[in-house]
Amino acid sequence: MWVIDQLGPDDKDPDWNPERLATDTAAVLTLAPCDARALTAHWRSLGIDQIGELRRYKNLTVHLDGGL
């Protein structure tokens, strides 16, 4: 998203479309934001798979205001 913000969208390349990026990102997020935040409070007690899922959420939402 940062690259799209800095360079602008490209109408010819769908990978550079902010709306498509938002749709694709939302499609892979299976936890509600409040549920993901609740898990971060005790992440050290989570299994490796859950920690990995939280890391993916963080990486996918870091560009949003108030991300995970």
PDB file of N, CA and C in Angstrom:
ATOM      1  N   MET A   1       0.832  -1.188   0.000  1.00  0.00           N
ATOM      2  CA  MET A   1       0.000   0.000   0.000  1.00  0.00           C
ATOM      3  C   MET A   1       0.873   1.247   0.000  1.00  0.00           C
ATOM      4  N   TRP A   2       1.980   1.193   0.725  1.00  0.00           N
ATOM      5  CA  TRP A   2       2.868   2.363   0.770  1.00  0.00           C
ATOM      6  C   TRP A   2       3.347   2.714  -0.633  1.00  0.00           C
ATOM      7  N   VAL A   3       3.710   1.717  -1.405  1.00  0.00           N
ATOM      8  CA  VAL A   3       4.194   1.962  -2.768  1.00  0.00           C
ATOM      9  C   VAL A   3       3.088   2.591  -3.611  1.00  0.00           C
ATOM     10  N   ILE A   4       1.867   2.082  -3.483  1.00  0.00           N
ATOM     11  CA  ILE A   4       0.748   2.664  -4.230  1.00  0.00           C
ATOM     12  C   ILE A   4       0.524   4.105  -3.793  1.00  0.00           C
ATOM     13  N   ASP A   5       0.611   4.354  -2.487  1.00  0.00           N
ATOM     14  CA  ASP A   5       0.453   5.726  -1.992  1.00  0.00           C
ATOM     15  C   ASP A   5       1.531   6.646  -2.550  1.00  0.00           C
ATOM     16  N   GLN A   6       2.761   6.165  -2.614  1.00  0.00           N
ATOM     17  CA  GLN A   6       3.876   7.000  -3.048  1.00  0.00           C
ATOM     18  C   GLN A   6       3.913   7.200  -4.569  1.00  0.00           C
ATOM     19  N   LEU A   7       3.627   6.143  -5.320  1.00  0.00           N
ATOM     20  CA  LEU A   7       3.745   6.210  -6.775  1.00  0.00           C
ATOM     21  C   LEU A   7       2.415   6.395  -7.487  1.00  0.00           C
ATOM     22  N   GLY A   8       1.336   6.136  -6.776  1.00  0.00           N
ATOM     23  CA  GLY A   8       0.015   6.271  -7.371  1.00  0.00           C
ATOM     24  C   GLY A   8      -0.460   4.964  -7.971  1.00  0.00           C
ATOM     25  N   PRO A   9      -1.776   4.815  -8.096  1.00  0.00           N
ATOM     26  CA  PRO A   9      -2.330   3.599  -8.686  1.00  0.00           C
ATOM     27  C   PRO A   9      -2.047   3.542 -10.186  1.00  0.00           C
ATOM     28  N   ASP A  10      -2.152   2.347 -10.738  1.00  0.00           N
ATOM     29  CA  ASP A  10      -1.965   2.128 -12.170  1.00  0.00           C
ATOM     30  C   ASP A  10      -3.234   1.462 -12.689  1.00  0.00           C
ATOM     31  N   ASP A  11      -3.998   2.170 -13.491  1.00  0.00           N
ATOM     32  CA  ASP A  11      -5.275   1.648 -13.987  1.00  0.00           C
ATOM     33  C   ASP A  11      -5.106   0.428 -14.883  1.00  0.00           C
ATOM     34  N   LYS A  12      -3.921   0.225 -15.430  1.00  0.00           N
ATOM     35  CA  LYS A  12      -3.691  -0.898 -16.338  1.00  0.00           C
ATOM     36  C   LYS A  12      -3.228  -2.156 -15.626  1.00  0.00           C
ATOM     37  N   ASP A  13      -2.714  -2.021 -14.409  1.00  0.00           N
ATOM     38  CA  ASP A  13      -2.206  -3.174 -13.659  1.00  0.00           C
ATOM     39  C   ASP A  13      -3.045  -3.340 -12.396  1.00  0.00           C
ATOM     40  N   PRO A  14      -3.870  -4.393 -12.321  1.00  0.00           N
ATOM     41  CA  PRO A  14      -4.759  -4.564 -11.164  1.00  0.00           C
ATOM     42  C   PRO A  14      -4.015  -4.751  -9.836  1.00  0.00           C
ATOM     43  N   ASP A  15      -2.750  -5.159  -9.886  1.00  0.00           N
ATOM     44  CA  ASP A  15      -1.981  -5.292  -8.648  1.00  0.00           C
ATOM     45  C   ASP A  15      -1.690  -3.941  -8.006  1.00  0.00           C
ATOM     46  N   TRP A  16      -1.836  -2.868  -8.757  1.00  0.00           N
ATOM     47  CA  TRP A  16      -1.583  -1.520  -8.255  1.00  0.00           C
ATOM     48  C   TRP A  16      -2.885  -0.779  -7.941  1.00  0.00           C
ATOM     49  N   ASN A  17      -3.967  -1.511  -7.822  1.00  0.00           N
ATOM     50  CA  ASN A  17      -5.272  -0.920  -7.553  1.00  0.00           C
ATOM     51  C   ASN A  17      -5.555  -0.985  -6.052  1.00  0.00           C
ATOM     52  N   PRO A  18      -5.697   0.163  -5.373  1.00  0.00           N
ATOM     53  CA  PRO A  18      -5.922   0.165  -3.926  1.00  0.00           C
ATOM     54  C   PRO A  18      -7.176  -0.585  -3.503  1.00  0.00           C
ATOM     55  N   GLU A  19      -8.246  -0.480  -4.287  1.00  0.00           N
ATOM     56  CA  GLU A  19      -9.480  -1.181  -3.939  1.00  0.00           C
ATOM     57  C   GLU A  19      -9.289  -2.694  -4.018  1.00  0.00           C
ATOM     58  N   ARG A  20      -8.583  -3.149  -5.036  1.00  0.00           N
ATOM     59  CA  ARG A  20      -8.327  -4.592  -5.160  1.00  0.00           C
ATOM     60  C   ARG A  20      -7.439  -5.067  -4.014  1.00  0.00           C
ATOM     61  N   LEU A  21      -6.442  -4.283  -3.666  1.00  0.00           N
ATOM     62  CA  LEU A  21      -5.574  -4.648  -2.543  1.00  0.00           C
ATOM     63  C   LEU A  21      -6.393  -4.769  -1.264  1.00  0.00           C
ATOM     64  N   ALA A  22      -7.293  -3.828  -1.030  1.00  0.00           N
ATOM     65  CA  ALA A  22      -8.143  -3.876   0.160  1.00  0.00           C
ATOM     66  C   ALA A  22      -9.043  -5.110   0.151  1.00  0.00           C
ATOM     67  N   THR A  23      -9.620  -5.421  -1.000  1.00  0.00           N
ATOM     68  CA  THR A  23     -10.490  -6.595  -1.124  1.00  0.00           C
ATOM     69  C   THR A  23      -9.713  -7.883  -0.893  1.00  0.00           C
ATOM     70  N   ASP A  24      -8.548  -7.992  -1.515  1.00  0.00           N
ATOM     71  CA  ASP A  24      -7.714  -9.190  -1.351  1.00  0.00           C
ATOM     72  C   ASP A  24      -7.255  -9.353   0.094  1.00  0.00           C
ATOM     73  N   THR A  25      -6.910  -8.247   0.740  1.00  0.00           N
ATOM     74  CA  THR A  25      -6.467  -8.302   2.135  1.00  0.00           C
ATOM     75  C   THR A  25      -7.611  -8.730   3.037  1.00  0.00           C
ATOM     76  N   ALA A  26      -8.769  -8.128   2.875  1.00  0.00           N
ATOM     77  CA  ALA A  26      -9.925  -8.475   3.709  1.00  0.00           C
ATOM     78  C   ALA A  26     -10.318  -9.937   3.536  1.00  0.00           C
ATOM     79  N   ALA A  27     -10.115 -10.481   2.356  1.00  0.00           N
ATOM     80  CA  ALA A  27     -10.493 -11.868   2.087  1.00  0.00           C
ATOM     81  C   ALA A  27      -9.660 -12.872   2.878  1.00  0.00           C
ATOM     82  N   VAL A  28      -8.431 -12.520   3.219  1.00  0.00           N
ATOM     83  CA  VAL A  28      -7.575 -13.476   3.938  1.00  0.00           C
ATOM     84  C   VAL A  28      -7.584 -13.266   5.448  1.00  0.00           C
ATOM     85  N   LEU A  29      -8.208 -12.201   5.920  1.00  0.00           N
ATOM     86  CA  LEU A  29      -8.293 -11.953   7.357  1.00  0.00           C
ATOM     87  C   LEU A  29      -9.506 -12.702   7.913  1.00  0.00           C
ATOM     88  N   THR A  30      -9.250 -13.718   8.722  1.00  0.00           N
ATOM     89  CA  THR A  30     -10.342 -14.547   9.233  1.00  0.00           C
ATOM     90  C   THR A  30     -10.766 -14.159  10.641  1.00  0.00           C
ATOM     91  N   LEU A  31      -9.986 -13.367  11.323  1.00  0.00           N
ATOM     92  CA  LEU A  31     -10.338 -12.901  12.666  1.00  0.00           C
ATOM     93  C   LEU A  31     -10.854 -11.471  12.595  1.00  0.00           C
ATOM     94  N   ALA A  32     -11.803 -11.170  13.434  1.00  0.00           N
ATOM     95  CA  ALA A  32     -12.240  -9.777  13.579  1.00  0.00           C
ATOM     96  C   ALA A  32     -11.103  -8.997  14.243  1.00  0.00           C
ATOM     97  N   PRO A  33     -10.960  -7.713  13.918  1.00  0.00           N
ATOM     98  CA  PRO A  33      -9.880  -6.934  14.530  1.00  0.00           C
ATOM     99  C   PRO A  33      -9.877  -7.000  16.063  1.00  0.00           C
ATOM    100  N   CYS A  34     -11.053  -6.962  16.683  1.00  0.00           N
ATOM    101  CA  CYS A  34     -11.098  -7.003  18.149  1.00  0.00           C
ATOM    102  C   CYS A  34     -10.614  -8.360  18.669  1.00  0.00           C
ATOM    103  N   ASP A  35     -10.887  -9.442  17.942  1.00  0.00           N
ATOM    104  CA  ASP A  35     -10.408 -10.765  18.354  1.00  0.00           C
ATOM    105  C   ASP A  35      -8.892 -10.873  18.203  1.00  0.00           C
ATOM    106  N   ALA A  36      -8.368 -10.332  17.119  1.00  0.00           N
ATOM    107  CA  ALA A  36      -6.917 -10.350  16.916  1.00  0.00           C
ATOM    108  C   ALA A  36      -6.223  -9.536  18.003  1.00  0.00           C
ATOM    109  N   ARG A  37      -6.761  -8.358  18.312  1.00  0.00           N
ATOM    110  CA  ARG A  37      -6.169  -7.531  19.375  1.00  0.00           C
ATOM    111  C   ARG A  37      -6.199  -8.249  20.720  1.00  0.00           C
ATOM    112  N   ALA A  38      -7.285  -8.947  20.997  1.00  0.00           N
ATOM    113  CA  ALA A  38      -7.401  -9.676  22.267  1.00  0.00           C
ATOM    114  C   ALA A  38      -6.319 -10.746  22.365  1.00  0.00           C
ATOM    115  N   LEU A  39      -6.013 -11.407  21.276  1.00  0.00           N
ATOM    116  CA  LEU A  39      -4.966 -12.433  21.296  1.00  0.00           C
ATOM    117  C   LEU A  39      -3.580 -11.836  21.535  1.00  0.00           C
ATOM    118  N   THR A  40      -3.370 -10.603  21.083  1.00  0.00           N
ATOM    119  CA  THR A  40      -2.046 -10.000  21.264  1.00  0.00           C
ATOM    120  C   THR A  40      -1.731  -9.733  22.732  1.00  0.00           C
ATOM    121  N   ALA A  41      -2.747  -9.649  23.553  1.00  0.00           N
ATOM    122  CA  ALA A  41      -2.527  -9.373  24.979  1.00  0.00           C
ATOM    123  C   ALA A  41      -1.763 -10.502  25.672  1.00  0.00           C
ATOM    124  N   HIS A  42      -1.899 -11.713  25.148  1.00  0.00           N
ATOM    125  CA  HIS A  42      -1.196 -12.854  25.763  1.00  0.00           C
ATOM    126  C   HIS A  42      -0.525 -13.725  24.693  1.00  0.00           C
ATOM    127  N   TRP A  43       0.120 -13.073  23.735  1.00  0.00           N
ATOM    128  CA  TRP A  43       0.677 -13.787  22.592  1.00  0.00           C
ATOM    129  C   TRP A  43       1.740 -14.793  22.981  1.00  0.00           C
ATOM    130  N   ARG A  44       2.446 -14.547  24.077  1.00  0.00           N
ATOM    131  CA  ARG A  44       3.518 -15.474  24.477  1.00  0.00           C
ATOM    132  C   ARG A  44       2.991 -16.847  24.877  1.00  0.00           C
ATOM    133  N   SER A  45       1.734 -16.923  25.256  1.00  0.00           N
ATOM    134  CA  SER A  45       1.162 -18.208  25.648  1.00  0.00           C
ATOM    135  C   SER A  45       0.495 -18.940  24.479  1.00  0.00           C
ATOM    136  N   LEU A  46       0.514 -18.332  23.296  1.00  0.00           N
ATOM    137  CA  LEU A  46      -0.128 -18.932  22.123  1.00  0.00           C
ATOM    138  C   LEU A  46       0.791 -19.952  21.458  1.00  0.00           C
ATOM    139  N   GLY A  47       0.192 -20.833  20.698  1.00  0.00           N
ATOM    140  CA  GLY A  47       0.954 -21.786  19.907  1.00  0.00           C
ATOM    141  C   GLY A  47       1.637 -21.092  18.737  1.00  0.00           C
ATOM    142  N   ILE A  48       2.627 -21.745  18.180  1.00  0.00           N
ATOM    143  CA  ILE A  48       3.403 -21.161  17.091  1.00  0.00           C
ATOM    144  C   ILE A  48       2.524 -20.814  15.888  1.00  0.00           C
ATOM    145  N   ASP A  49       1.502 -21.634  15.604  1.00  0.00           N
ATOM    146  CA  ASP A  49       0.606 -21.349  14.484  1.00  0.00           C
ATOM    147  C   ASP A  49      -0.189 -20.070  14.720  1.00  0.00           C
ATOM    148  N   GLN A  50      -0.672 -19.873  15.945  1.00  0.00           N
ATOM    149  CA  GLN A  50      -1.433 -18.660  16.251  1.00  0.00           C
ATOM    150  C   GLN A  50      -0.531 -17.430  16.217  1.00  0.00           C
ATOM    151  N   ILE A  51       0.689 -17.572  16.705  1.00  0.00           N
ATOM    152  CA  ILE A  51       1.634 -16.450  16.649  1.00  0.00           C
ATOM    153  C   ILE A  51       1.915 -16.091  15.196  1.00  0.00           C
ATOM    154  N   GLY A  52       2.097 -17.106  14.355  1.00  0.00           N
ATOM    155  CA  GLY A  52       2.318 -16.856  12.935  1.00  0.00           C
ATOM    156  C   GLY A  52       1.142 -16.153  12.289  1.00  0.00           C
ATOM    157  N   GLU A  53      -0.067 -16.549  12.671  1.00  0.00           N
ATOM    158  CA  GLU A  53      -1.260 -15.901  12.129  1.00  0.00           C
ATOM    159  C   GLU A  53      -1.316 -14.427  12.542  1.00  0.00           C
ATOM    160  N   LEU A  54      -1.004 -14.149  13.812  1.00  0.00           N
ATOM    161  CA  LEU A  54      -0.984 -12.753  14.264  1.00  0.00           C
ATOM    162  C   LEU A  54       0.075 -11.950  13.520  1.00  0.00           C
ATOM    163  N   ARG A  55       1.215 -12.554  13.250  1.00  0.00           N
ATOM    164  CA  ARG A  55       2.273 -11.858  12.493  1.00  0.00           C
ATOM    165  C   ARG A  55       1.789 -11.538  11.076  1.00  0.00           C
ATOM    166  N   ARG A  56       1.098 -12.477  10.443  1.00  0.00           N
ATOM    167  CA  ARG A  56       0.557 -12.218   9.105  1.00  0.00           C
ATOM    168  C   ARG A  56      -0.458 -11.071   9.152  1.00  0.00           C
ATOM    169  N   TYR A  57      -1.295 -11.062  10.178  1.00  0.00           N
ATOM    170  CA  TYR A  57      -2.255  -9.966  10.328  1.00  0.00           C
ATOM    171  C   TYR A  57      -1.527  -8.639  10.462  1.00  0.00           C
ATOM    172  N   LYS A  58      -0.503  -8.632  11.294  1.00  0.00           N
ATOM    173  CA  LYS A  58       0.264  -7.398  11.490  1.00  0.00           C
ATOM    174  C   LYS A  58       0.856  -6.936  10.170  1.00  0.00           C
ATOM    175  N   ASN A  59       1.452  -7.849   9.430  1.00  0.00           N
ATOM    176  CA  ASN A  59       2.080  -7.479   8.163  1.00  0.00           C
ATOM    177  C   ASN A  59       1.061  -7.007   7.127  1.00  0.00           C
ATOM    178  N   LEU A  60      -0.130  -7.576   7.149  1.00  0.00           N
ATOM    179  CA  LEU A  60      -1.158  -7.183   6.192  1.00  0.00           C
ATOM    180  C   LEU A  60      -1.852  -5.869   6.556  1.00  0.00           C
ATOM    181  N   THR A  61      -1.814  -5.496   7.826  1.00  0.00           N
ATOM    182  CA  THR A  61      -2.556  -4.310   8.267  1.00  0.00           C
ATOM    183  C   THR A  61      -1.666  -3.181   8.760  1.00  0.00           C
ATOM    184  N   VAL A  62      -0.361  -3.322   8.649  1.00  0.00           N
ATOM    185  CA  VAL A  62       0.547  -2.319   9.198  1.00  0.00           C
ATOM    186  C   VAL A  62       0.331  -0.944   8.549  1.00  0.00           C
ATOM    187  N   HIS A  63      -0.110  -0.906   7.304  1.00  0.00           N
ATOM    188  CA  HIS A  63      -0.309   0.361   6.614  1.00  0.00           C
ATOM    189  C   HIS A  63      -1.588   1.080   7.014  1.00  0.00           C
ATOM    190  N   LEU A  64      -2.462   0.409   7.757  1.00  0.00           N
ATOM    191  CA  LEU A  64      -3.714   1.026   8.175  1.00  0.00           C
ATOM    192  C   LEU A  64      -3.528   1.840   9.445  1.00  0.00           C
ATOM    193  N   ASP A  65      -4.257   2.905   9.575  1.00  0.00           N
ATOM    194  CA  ASP A  65      -4.243   3.656  10.831  1.00  0.00           C
ATOM    195  C   ASP A  65      -4.801   2.768  11.918  1.00  0.00           C
ATOM    196  N   GLY A  66      -4.061   2.621  13.009  1.00  0.00           N
ATOM    197  CA  GLY A  66      -4.513   1.793  14.110  1.00  0.00           C
ATOM    198  C   GLY A  66      -4.493   0.311  13.788  1.00  0.00           C
ATOM    199  N   GLY A  67      -3.566  -0.125  12.920  1.00  0.00           N
ATOM    200  CA  GLY A  67      -3.431  -1.538  12.579  1.00  0.00           C
ATOM    201  C   GLY A  67      -3.253  -2.387  13.819  1.00  0.00           C
ATOM    202  N   LEU A  68      -3.159  -3.654  13.631  1.00  0.00           N
ATOM    203  CA  LEU A  68      -3.093  -4.603  14.745  1.00  0.00           C
ATOM    204  C   LEU A  68      -2.058  -4.258  15.729  1.00  0.00           C
TER     205      LEU A  68
END
